[in-house]
PDB file of N, CA and C in Angstrom:
ATOM      1  N   MET A   1       5.269  -9.150   9.179  1.00  0.00           N
ATOM      2  CA  MET A   1       4.330  -8.314   9.293  1.00  0.00           C
ATOM      3  C   MET A   1       2.637  -8.759   9.095  1.00  0.00           C
ATOM      4  N   GLU A   2       2.021  -8.926   9.999  1.00  0.00           N
ATOM      5  CA  GLU A   2       0.508  -9.113   9.874  1.00  0.00           C
ATOM      6  C   GLU A   2      -0.245  -7.924   8.957  1.00  0.00           C
ATOM      7  N   LEU A   3      -1.206  -8.843   8.601  1.00  0.00           N
ATOM      8  CA  LEU A   3      -2.066  -8.339   7.842  1.00  0.00           C
ATOM      9  C   LEU A   3      -3.244  -8.891   8.248  1.00  0.00           C
ATOM     10  N   ASN A   4      -4.341  -8.131   7.862  1.00  0.00           N
ATOM     11  CA  ASN A   4      -5.525  -8.617   7.741  1.00  0.00           C
ATOM     12  C   ASN A   4      -6.601  -8.061   7.169  1.00  0.00           C
ATOM     13  N   ILE A   5      -6.915  -8.795   5.729  1.00  0.00           N
ATOM     14  CA  ILE A   5      -7.971  -8.399   4.741  1.00  0.00           C
ATOM     15  C   ILE A   5      -9.581  -8.591   5.629  1.00  0.00           C
ATOM     16  N   LEU A   6      -9.752  -7.173   5.620  1.00  0.00           N
ATOM     17  CA  LEU A   6     -10.932  -6.798   5.839  1.00  0.00           C
ATOM     18  C   LEU A   6     -12.338  -6.771   4.866  1.00  0.00           C
ATOM     19  N   LYS A   7     -12.112  -6.159   4.185  1.00  0.00           N
ATOM     20  CA  LYS A   7     -13.120  -6.339   3.126  1.00  0.00           C
ATOM     21  C   LYS A   7     -12.351  -6.463   1.655  1.00  0.00           C
ATOM     22  N   ASP A   8     -12.758  -7.443   0.845  1.00  0.00           N
ATOM     23  CA  ASP A   8     -12.238  -7.505  -0.412  1.00  0.00           C
ATOM     24  C   ASP A   8     -13.329  -7.477  -1.546  1.00  0.00           C
ATOM     25  N   THR A   9     -13.874  -6.801  -2.427  1.00  0.00           N
ATOM     26  CA  THR A   9     -14.279  -6.338  -3.313  1.00  0.00           C
ATOM     27  C   THR A   9     -13.815  -6.304  -4.683  1.00  0.00           C
ATOM     28  N   LYS A  10     -14.153  -6.042  -5.667  1.00  0.00           N
ATOM     29  CA  LYS A  10     -13.381  -6.482  -7.378  1.00  0.00           C
ATOM     30  C   LYS A  10     -12.945  -4.218  -6.664  1.00  0.00           C
ATOM     31  N   GLU A  11     -13.609  -3.833  -6.422  1.00  0.00           N
ATOM     32  CA  GLU A  11     -12.840  -2.175  -6.834  1.00  0.00           C
ATOM     33  C   GLU A  11     -12.610  -1.578  -5.037  1.00  0.00           C
ATOM     34  N   GLU A  12     -12.647  -2.782  -4.659  1.00  0.00           N
ATOM     35  CA  GLU A  12     -12.749  -1.981  -2.768  1.00  0.00           C
ATOM     36  C   GLU A  12     -11.882  -3.201  -1.928  1.00  0.00           C
ATOM     37  N   VAL A  13     -10.906  -2.375  -1.265  1.00  0.00           N
ATOM     38  CA  VAL A  13     -10.034  -3.362  -0.481  1.00  0.00           C
ATOM     39  C   VAL A  13      -9.989  -2.968   1.610  1.00  0.00           C
ATOM     40  N   GLU A  14      -9.837  -3.595   1.875  1.00  0.00           N
ATOM     41  CA  GLU A  14     -10.089  -2.876   3.419  1.00  0.00           C
ATOM     42  C   GLU A  14      -8.780  -4.251   4.005  1.00  0.00           C
ATOM     43  N   ILE A  15      -7.571  -3.285   3.940  1.00  0.00           N
ATOM     44  CA  ILE A  15      -6.652  -4.267   5.395  1.00  0.00           C
ATOM     45  C   ILE A  15      -6.206  -4.269   6.190  1.00  0.00           C
ATOM     46  N   GLU A  16      -5.571  -4.590   7.305  1.00  0.00           N
ATOM     47  CA  GLU A  16      -5.641  -4.237   8.504  1.00  0.00           C
ATOM     48  C   GLU A  16      -3.963  -4.590   8.744  1.00  0.00           C
ATOM     49  N   PHE A  17      -2.908  -3.690   9.181  1.00  0.00           N
ATOM     50  CA  PHE A  17      -1.766  -3.707   8.997  1.00  0.00           C
ATOM     51  C   PHE A  17      -1.342  -3.422  10.739  1.00  0.00           C
ATOM     52  N   ASP A  18      -0.422  -4.542  10.809  1.00  0.00           N
ATOM     53  CA  ASP A  18       0.315  -4.307  12.342  1.00  0.00           C
ATOM     54  C   ASP A  18       2.010  -3.084  12.436  1.00  0.00           C
ATOM     55  N   ASN A  19       1.285  -2.306  11.165  1.00  0.00           N
ATOM     56  CA  ASN A  19       2.421  -1.534  10.693  1.00  0.00           C
ATOM     57  C   ASN A  19       2.106  -0.350  10.254  1.00  0.00           C
ATOM     58  N   LEU A  20       2.101   0.868  10.839  1.00  0.00           N
ATOM     59  CA  LEU A  20       1.563   1.822   9.833  1.00  0.00           C
ATOM     60  C   LEU A  20       3.040   2.566   9.140  1.00  0.00           C
ATOM     61  N   THR A  21       3.619   2.379   9.372  1.00  0.00           N
ATOM     62  CA  THR A  21       4.786   2.757   7.724  1.00  0.00           C
ATOM     63  C   THR A  21       4.358   1.970   6.720  1.00  0.00           C
ATOM     64  N   MET A  22       4.244   0.691   6.700  1.00  0.00           N
ATOM     65  CA  MET A  22       3.665  -0.093   5.215  1.00  0.00           C
ATOM     66  C   MET A  22       2.476   1.009   5.295  1.00  0.00           C
ATOM     67  N   ALA A  23       1.466   0.943   5.951  1.00  0.00           N
ATOM     68  CA  ALA A  23       0.468   1.551   5.327  1.00  0.00           C
ATOM     69  C   ALA A  23       0.519   2.995   4.427  1.00  0.00           C
ATOM     70  N   GLU A  24       1.531   3.650   5.558  1.00  0.00           N
ATOM     71  CA  GLU A  24       1.710   4.470   4.660  1.00  0.00           C
ATOM     72  C   GLU A  24       2.186   4.962   3.528  1.00  0.00           C
ATOM     73  N   ILE A  25       3.419   3.829   3.659  1.00  0.00           N
ATOM     74  CA  ILE A  25       4.116   3.238   2.135  1.00  0.00           C
ATOM     75  C   ILE A  25       2.977   2.866   0.827  1.00  0.00           C
ATOM     76  N   LEU A  26       2.643   2.782   1.351  1.00  0.00           N
ATOM     77  CA  LEU A  26       1.426   1.816  -0.164  1.00  0.00           C
ATOM     78  C   LEU A  26       0.954   3.074   0.214  1.00  0.00           C
ATOM     79  N   ARG A  27       0.113   3.886   1.104  1.00  0.00           N
ATOM     80  CA  ARG A  27      -1.063   4.625   0.744  1.00  0.00           C
ATOM     81  C   ARG A  27       0.272   5.963  -0.394  1.00  0.00           C
ATOM     82  N   VAL A  28       1.276   6.685  -0.316  1.00  0.00           N
ATOM     83  CA  VAL A  28       1.694   7.092  -1.166  1.00  0.00           C
ATOM     84  C   VAL A  28       1.809   6.263  -2.450  1.00  0.00           C
ATOM     85  N   TYR A  29       2.482   5.257  -2.636  1.00  0.00           N
ATOM     86  CA  TYR A  29       2.286   4.697  -4.004  1.00  0.00           C
ATOM     87  C   TYR A  29       1.010   4.019  -4.698  1.00  0.00           C
ATOM     88  N   LEU A  30      -0.067   3.831  -4.066  1.00  0.00           N
ATOM     89  CA  LEU A  30      -1.234   3.660  -4.747  1.00  0.00           C
ATOM     90  C   LEU A  30      -1.742   5.067  -5.114  1.00  0.00           C
ATOM     91  N   ASN A  31      -1.558   6.382  -4.405  1.00  0.00           N
ATOM     92  CA  ASN A  31      -2.578   7.950  -5.295  1.00  0.00           C
ATOM     93  C   ASN A  31      -1.796   7.876  -5.729  1.00  0.00           C
ATOM     94  N   LYS A  32      -0.339   7.316  -6.741  1.00  0.00           N
ATOM     95  CA  LYS A  32       0.140   7.450  -8.065  1.00  0.00           C
ATOM     96  C   LYS A  32      -0.780   6.865  -9.219  1.00  0.00           C
ATOM     97  N   ASP A  33      -1.821   5.739  -8.980  1.00  0.00           N
ATOM     98  CA  ASP A  33      -1.701   5.757  -9.935  1.00  0.00           C
ATOM     99  C   ASP A  33      -3.115   5.898  -9.999  1.00  0.00           C
ATOM    100  N   THR A  34      -3.529   6.375 -11.325  1.00  0.00           N
ATOM    101  CA  THR A  34      -4.506   6.986 -11.864  1.00  0.00           C
ATOM    102  C   THR A  34      -5.687   6.234 -11.899  1.00  0.00           C
ATOM    103  N   ALA A  35      -6.268   4.922 -11.283  1.00  0.00           N
ATOM    104  CA  ALA A  35      -6.992   4.274 -11.468  1.00  0.00           C
ATOM    105  C   ALA A  35      -7.642   4.133 -10.410  1.00  0.00           C
ATOM    106  N   VAL A  36      -6.853   4.712  -8.801  1.00  0.00           N
ATOM    107  CA  VAL A  36      -7.143   4.457  -7.658  1.00  0.00           C
ATOM    108  C   VAL A  36      -7.650   5.948  -7.420  1.00  0.00           C
ATOM    109  N   THR A  37      -8.817   5.559  -6.946  1.00  0.00           N
ATOM    110  CA  THR A  37      -9.979   7.103  -6.465  1.00  0.00           C
ATOM    111  C   THR A  37      -9.171   7.398  -4.763  1.00  0.00           C
ATOM    112  N   LEU A  38      -9.170   5.997  -4.345  1.00  0.00           N
ATOM    113  CA  LEU A  38      -9.245   6.624  -2.896  1.00  0.00           C
ATOM    114  C   LEU A  38      -8.026   5.756  -2.141  1.00  0.00           C
ATOM    115  N   ALA A  39      -7.085   5.970  -1.738  1.00  0.00           N
ATOM    116  CA  ALA A  39      -5.678   5.731  -0.718  1.00  0.00           C
ATOM    117  C   ALA A  39      -5.509   6.016   0.586  1.00  0.00           C
ATOM    118  N   ALA A  40      -6.098   5.255   1.247  1.00  0.00           N
ATOM    119  CA  ALA A  40      -5.994   6.319   2.670  1.00  0.00           C
ATOM    120  C   ALA A  40      -6.043   4.981   4.109  1.00  0.00           C
ATOM    121  N   TRP A  41      -5.510   5.912   5.218  1.00  0.00           N
ATOM    122  CA  TRP A  41      -5.277   4.773   6.310  1.00  0.00           C
ATOM    123  C   TRP A  41      -6.179   5.967   7.211  1.00  0.00           C
ATOM    124  N   LYS A  42      -6.900   4.957   8.028  1.00  0.00           N
ATOM    125  CA  LYS A  42      -7.219   4.971   9.193  1.00  0.00           C
ATOM    126  C   LYS A  42      -6.770   4.225  10.393  1.00  0.00           C
ATOM    127  N   ARG A  43      -7.383   5.231  11.566  1.00  0.00           N
ATOM    128  CA  ARG A  43      -7.420   3.864  12.781  1.00  0.00           C
ATOM    129  C   ARG A  43      -8.222   4.985  13.444  1.00  0.00           C
ATOM    130  N   GLY A  44      -8.816   3.999  14.482  1.00  0.00           N
ATOM    131  CA  GLY A  44      -9.396   5.089  15.739  1.00  0.00           C
ATOM    132  C   GLY A  44      -8.776   5.126  16.884  1.00  0.00           C
ATOM    133  N   HIS A  45      -7.688   4.719  17.034  1.00  0.00           N
ATOM    134  CA  HIS A  45      -7.114   5.640  18.377  1.00  0.00           C
ATOM    135  C   HIS A  45      -5.183   5.197  17.893  1.00  0.00           C
ATOM    136  N   ALA A  46      -5.120   5.571  18.134  1.00  0.00           N
ATOM    137  CA  ALA A  46      -3.425   5.233  18.617  1.00  0.00           C
ATOM    138  C   ALA A  46      -2.665   3.921  18.676  1.00  0.00           C
ATOM    139  N   SER A  47      -3.752   3.401  20.058  1.00  0.00           N
ATOM    140  CA  SER A  47      -3.371   2.017  19.604  1.00  0.00           C
ATOM    141  C   SER A  47      -3.900   1.000  18.911  1.00  0.00           C
ATOM    142  N   GLU A  48      -4.652   1.624  18.414  1.00  0.00           N
ATOM    143  CA  GLU A  48      -5.099   0.524  17.358  1.00  0.00           C
ATOM    144  C   GLU A  48      -4.453   0.075  16.035  1.00  0.00           C
ATOM    145  N   ASN A  49      -4.075  -1.144  15.019  1.00  0.00           N
ATOM    146  CA  ASN A  49      -3.820  -1.039  14.184  1.00  0.00           C
ATOM    147  C   ASN A  49      -4.531   0.190  13.245  1.00  0.00           C
ATOM    148  N   PRO A  50      -3.487   0.267  11.964  1.00  0.00           N
ATOM    149  CA  PRO A  50      -4.020   1.079  10.773  1.00  0.00           C
ATOM    150  C   PRO A  50      -5.084   0.088  10.371  1.00  0.00           C
ATOM    151  N   ILE A  51      -5.989   0.276   9.439  1.00  0.00           N
ATOM    152  CA  ILE A  51      -6.583   0.041   8.158  1.00  0.00           C
ATOM    153  C   ILE A  51      -6.563   0.922   6.990  1.00  0.00           C
ATOM    154  N   LEU A  52      -5.842   0.093   6.060  1.00  0.00           N
ATOM    155  CA  LEU A  52      -5.521   0.588   4.429  1.00  0.00           C
ATOM    156  C   LEU A  52      -7.172   0.672   3.571  1.00  0.00           C
ATOM    157  N   ILE A  53      -7.523   1.605   3.461  1.00  0.00           N
ATOM    158  CA  ILE A  53      -8.621   1.687   2.698  1.00  0.00           C
ATOM    159  C   ILE A  53      -8.236   2.198   0.476  1.00  0.00           C
ATOM    160  N   VAL A  54      -8.624   0.785   0.101  1.00  0.00           N
ATOM    161  CA  VAL A  54      -8.290   1.275  -1.353  1.00  0.00           C
ATOM    162  C   VAL A  54      -9.207   1.008  -2.636  1.00  0.00           C
ATOM    163  N   LYS A  55      -9.889   2.145  -3.339  1.00  0.00           N
ATOM    164  CA  LYS A  55     -10.893   1.918  -4.293  1.00  0.00           C
ATOM    165  C   LYS A  55     -10.452   2.375  -4.891  1.00  0.00           C
ATOM    166  N   THR A  56     -11.094   1.742  -6.303  1.00  0.00           N
ATOM    167  CA  THR A  56     -10.577   1.703  -7.293  1.00  0.00           C
ATOM    168  C   THR A  56     -11.590   2.299  -8.666  1.00  0.00           C
ATOM    169  N   LYS A  57     -10.851   2.569  -9.911  1.00  0.00           N
ATOM    170  CA  LYS A  57     -12.283   2.994 -10.935  1.00  0.00           C
ATOM    171  C   LYS A  57     -11.358   2.008 -12.020  1.00  0.00           C
ATOM    172  N   GLY A  58     -11.771   0.618 -13.287  1.00  0.00           N
ATOM    173  CA  GLY A  58     -10.865   0.274 -13.807  1.00  0.00           C
ATOM    174  C   GLY A  58     -10.119  -0.655 -14.074  1.00  0.00           C
ATOM    175  N   LYS A  59     -10.047  -0.889 -12.887  1.00  0.00           N
ATOM    176  CA  LYS A  59      -8.718  -1.710 -12.508  1.00  0.00           C
ATOM    177  C   LYS A  59      -8.833  -2.137 -10.903  1.00  0.00           C
ATOM    178  N   THR A  60      -8.698  -3.520 -10.897  1.00  0.00           N
ATOM    179  CA  THR A  60      -8.951  -4.468  -9.696  1.00  0.00           C
ATOM    180  C   THR A  60      -8.330  -3.697  -8.847  1.00  0.00           C
ATOM    181  N   ALA A  61      -8.762  -3.879  -7.363  1.00  0.00           N
ATOM    182  CA  ALA A  61      -8.130  -3.154  -6.373  1.00  0.00           C
ATOM    183  C   ALA A  61      -6.851  -3.725  -5.850  1.00  0.00           C
ATOM    184  N   LYS A  62      -6.793  -5.264  -5.831  1.00  0.00           N
ATOM    185  CA  LYS A  62      -5.753  -5.781  -5.635  1.00  0.00           C
ATOM    186  C   LYS A  62      -4.445  -5.753  -6.523  1.00  0.00           C
ATOM    187  N   LYS A  63      -4.921  -5.401  -7.753  1.00  0.00           N
ATOM    188  CA  LYS A  63      -4.093  -5.262  -9.017  1.00  0.00           C
ATOM    189  C   LYS A  63      -3.325  -3.968  -9.081  1.00  0.00           C
ATOM    190  N   ALA A  64      -3.837  -3.001  -7.880  1.00  0.00           N
ATOM    191  CA  ALA A  64      -3.470  -1.861  -7.697  1.00  0.00           C
ATOM    192  C   ALA A  64      -2.514  -1.818  -6.632  1.00  0.00           C
ATOM    193  N   ILE A  65      -3.175  -2.725  -5.791  1.00  0.00           N
ATOM    194  CA  ILE A  65      -1.901  -2.633  -4.707  1.00  0.00           C
ATOM    195  C   ILE A  65      -0.485  -3.454  -5.408  1.00  0.00           C
ATOM    196  N   ALA A  66      -1.019  -4.656  -5.595  1.00  0.00           N
ATOM    197  CA  ALA A  66      -0.097  -5.301  -6.863  1.00  0.00           C
ATOM    198  C   ALA A  66       1.406  -4.539  -6.747  1.00  0.00           C
ATOM    199  N   GLU A  67       0.603  -3.940  -7.885  1.00  0.00           N
ATOM    200  CA  GLU A  67       1.743  -2.911  -8.715  1.00  0.00           C
ATOM    201  C   GLU A  67       2.490  -1.597  -7.880  1.00  0.00           C
ATOM    202  N   ALA A  68       1.791  -1.561  -6.945  1.00  0.00           N
ATOM    203  CA  ALA A  68       2.347  -0.639  -6.172  1.00  0.00           C
ATOM    204  C   ALA A  68       3.339  -1.022  -5.043  1.00  0.00           C
ATOM    205  N   ILE A  69       3.329  -2.249  -4.602  1.00  0.00           N
ATOM    206  CA  ILE A  69       4.392  -2.918  -4.111  1.00  0.00           C
ATOM    207  C   ILE A  69       5.203  -3.310  -5.438  1.00  0.00           C
ATOM    208  N   SER A  70       5.587  -3.524  -6.178  1.00  0.00           N
ATOM    209  CA  SER A  70       6.210  -3.995  -7.250  1.00  0.00           C
ATOM    210  C   SER A  70       6.837  -2.475  -7.941  1.00  0.00           C
ATOM    211  N   HIS A  71       6.421  -1.263  -7.593  1.00  0.00           N
ATOM    212  CA  HIS A  71       7.538  -0.095  -8.023  1.00  0.00           C
ATOM    213  C   HIS A  71       7.718  -0.355  -6.642  1.00  0.00           C
ATOM    214  N   LEU A  72       7.185   0.044  -5.704  1.00  0.00           N
ATOM    215  CA  LEU A  72       7.972  -0.130  -4.497  1.00  0.00           C
ATOM    216  C   LEU A  72       9.606  -0.875  -4.393  1.00  0.00           C
ATOM    217  N   THR A  73       9.315  -2.394  -4.794  1.00  0.00           N
ATOM    218  CA  THR A  73      10.297  -3.293  -4.713  1.00  0.00           C
ATOM    219  C   THR A  73      11.484  -2.975  -5.334  1.00  0.00           C
ATOM    220  N   LYS A  74      11.013  -1.941  -6.705  1.00  0.00           N
ATOM    221  CA  LYS A  74      12.196  -2.042  -7.534  1.00  0.00           C
ATOM    222  C   LYS A  74      12.178  -0.877  -7.294  1.00  0.00           C
ATOM    223  N   GLU A  75      12.061   0.060  -6.643  1.00  0.00           N
ATOM    224  CA  GLU A  75      13.288   1.755  -6.134  1.00  0.00           C
ATOM    225  C   GLU A  75      13.663   1.434  -4.915  1.00  0.00           C
ATOM    226  N   LEU A  76      13.643   0.561  -4.117  1.00  0.00           N
ATOM    227  CA  LEU A  76      14.057   0.139  -3.125  1.00  0.00           C
ATOM    228  C   LEU A  76      15.839  -0.811  -3.223  1.00  0.00           C
ATOM    229  N   ASP A  77      15.205  -1.642  -4.556  1.00  0.00           N
ATOM    230  CA  ASP A  77      16.147  -2.427  -5.491  1.00  0.00           C
ATOM    231  C   ASP A  77      17.228  -1.542  -6.005  1.00  0.00           C
ATOM    232  N   LYS A  78      17.014  -0.373  -5.856  1.00  0.00           N
ATOM    233  CA  LYS A  78      17.530   1.052  -6.714  1.00  0.00           C
ATOM    234  C   LYS A  78      18.429   1.484  -5.689  1.00  0.00           C
ATOM    235  N   ILE A  79      17.824   1.961  -4.941  1.00  0.00           N
ATOM    236  CA  ILE A  79      18.431   2.193  -3.673  1.00  0.00           C
ATOM    237  C   ILE A  79      19.543   1.199  -2.772  1.00  0.00           C
ATOM    238  N   GLU A  80      18.974   0.669  -3.028  1.00  0.00           N
ATOM    239  CA  GLU A  80      20.040  -1.002  -2.408  1.00  0.00           C
ATOM    240  C   GLU A  80      21.661  -0.686  -3.097  1.00  0.00           C
ATOM    241  N   ALA A  81      20.927  -0.759  -4.123  1.00  0.00           N
ATOM    242  CA  ALA A  81      22.414  -1.235  -5.095  1.00  0.00           C
ATOM    243  C   ALA A  81      23.368  -0.020  -5.318  1.00  0.00           C
ATOM    244  N   ASN A  82      22.596   1.058  -5.031  1.00  0.00           N
ATOM    245  CA  ASN A  82      23.313   2.421  -4.886  1.00  0.00           C
ATOM    246  C   ASN A  82      23.857   2.658  -3.683  1.00  0.00           C
ATOM    247  N   PHE A  83      23.586   2.332  -2.920  1.00  0.00           N
ATOM    248  CA  PHE A  83      23.946   2.091  -1.107  1.00  0.00           C
ATOM    249  C   PHE A  83      25.668   1.253  -1.823  1.00  0.00           C
ATOM    250  N   LYS A  84      25.354  -0.054  -2.303  1.00  0.00           N
ATOM    251  CA  LYS A  84      26.162  -1.008  -2.342  1.00  0.00           C
ATOM    252  C   LYS A  84      27.445  -0.556  -3.187  1.00  0.00           C
ATOM    253  N   LYS A  85      27.354   0.776  -3.505  1.00  0.00           N
ATOM    254  CA  LYS A  85      28.422   1.212  -4.821  1.00  0.00           C
ATOM    255  C   LYS A  85      28.963   2.381  -3.622  1.00  0.00           C
ATOM    256  N   LEU A  86      28.725   2.249  -2.876  1.00  0.00           N
ATOM    257  CA  LEU A  86      29.100   3.617  -1.725  1.00  0.00           C
ATOM    258  C   LEU A  86      30.038   2.781  -0.375  1.00  0.00           C
ATOM    259  N   LYS A  87      30.686   1.920  -0.574  1.00  0.00           N
ATOM    260  CA  LYS A  87      31.328   1.162   0.009  1.00  0.00           C
ATOM    261  C   LYS A  87      32.828   0.585  -0.687  1.00  0.00           C
TER     262      LYS A  87
END
């Protein structure tokens, strides 16, 4: 997966992803954080890469993204463990 950071300030980050699924999953997890005032992705055309926009209040945008990734990783680990129990 490739990404390109387009904007990086304390309370706002814009990241271009080569994968819409990753942008959408992060958007969902970021919107669970009360410090996140905006988490959305956009793209001008279906052939263009999505851009995830994250704005925060009271926490840095980078920290919010890191926490969202951490929560996502923990949930995926639980799903993997439950799946392995089925075998």
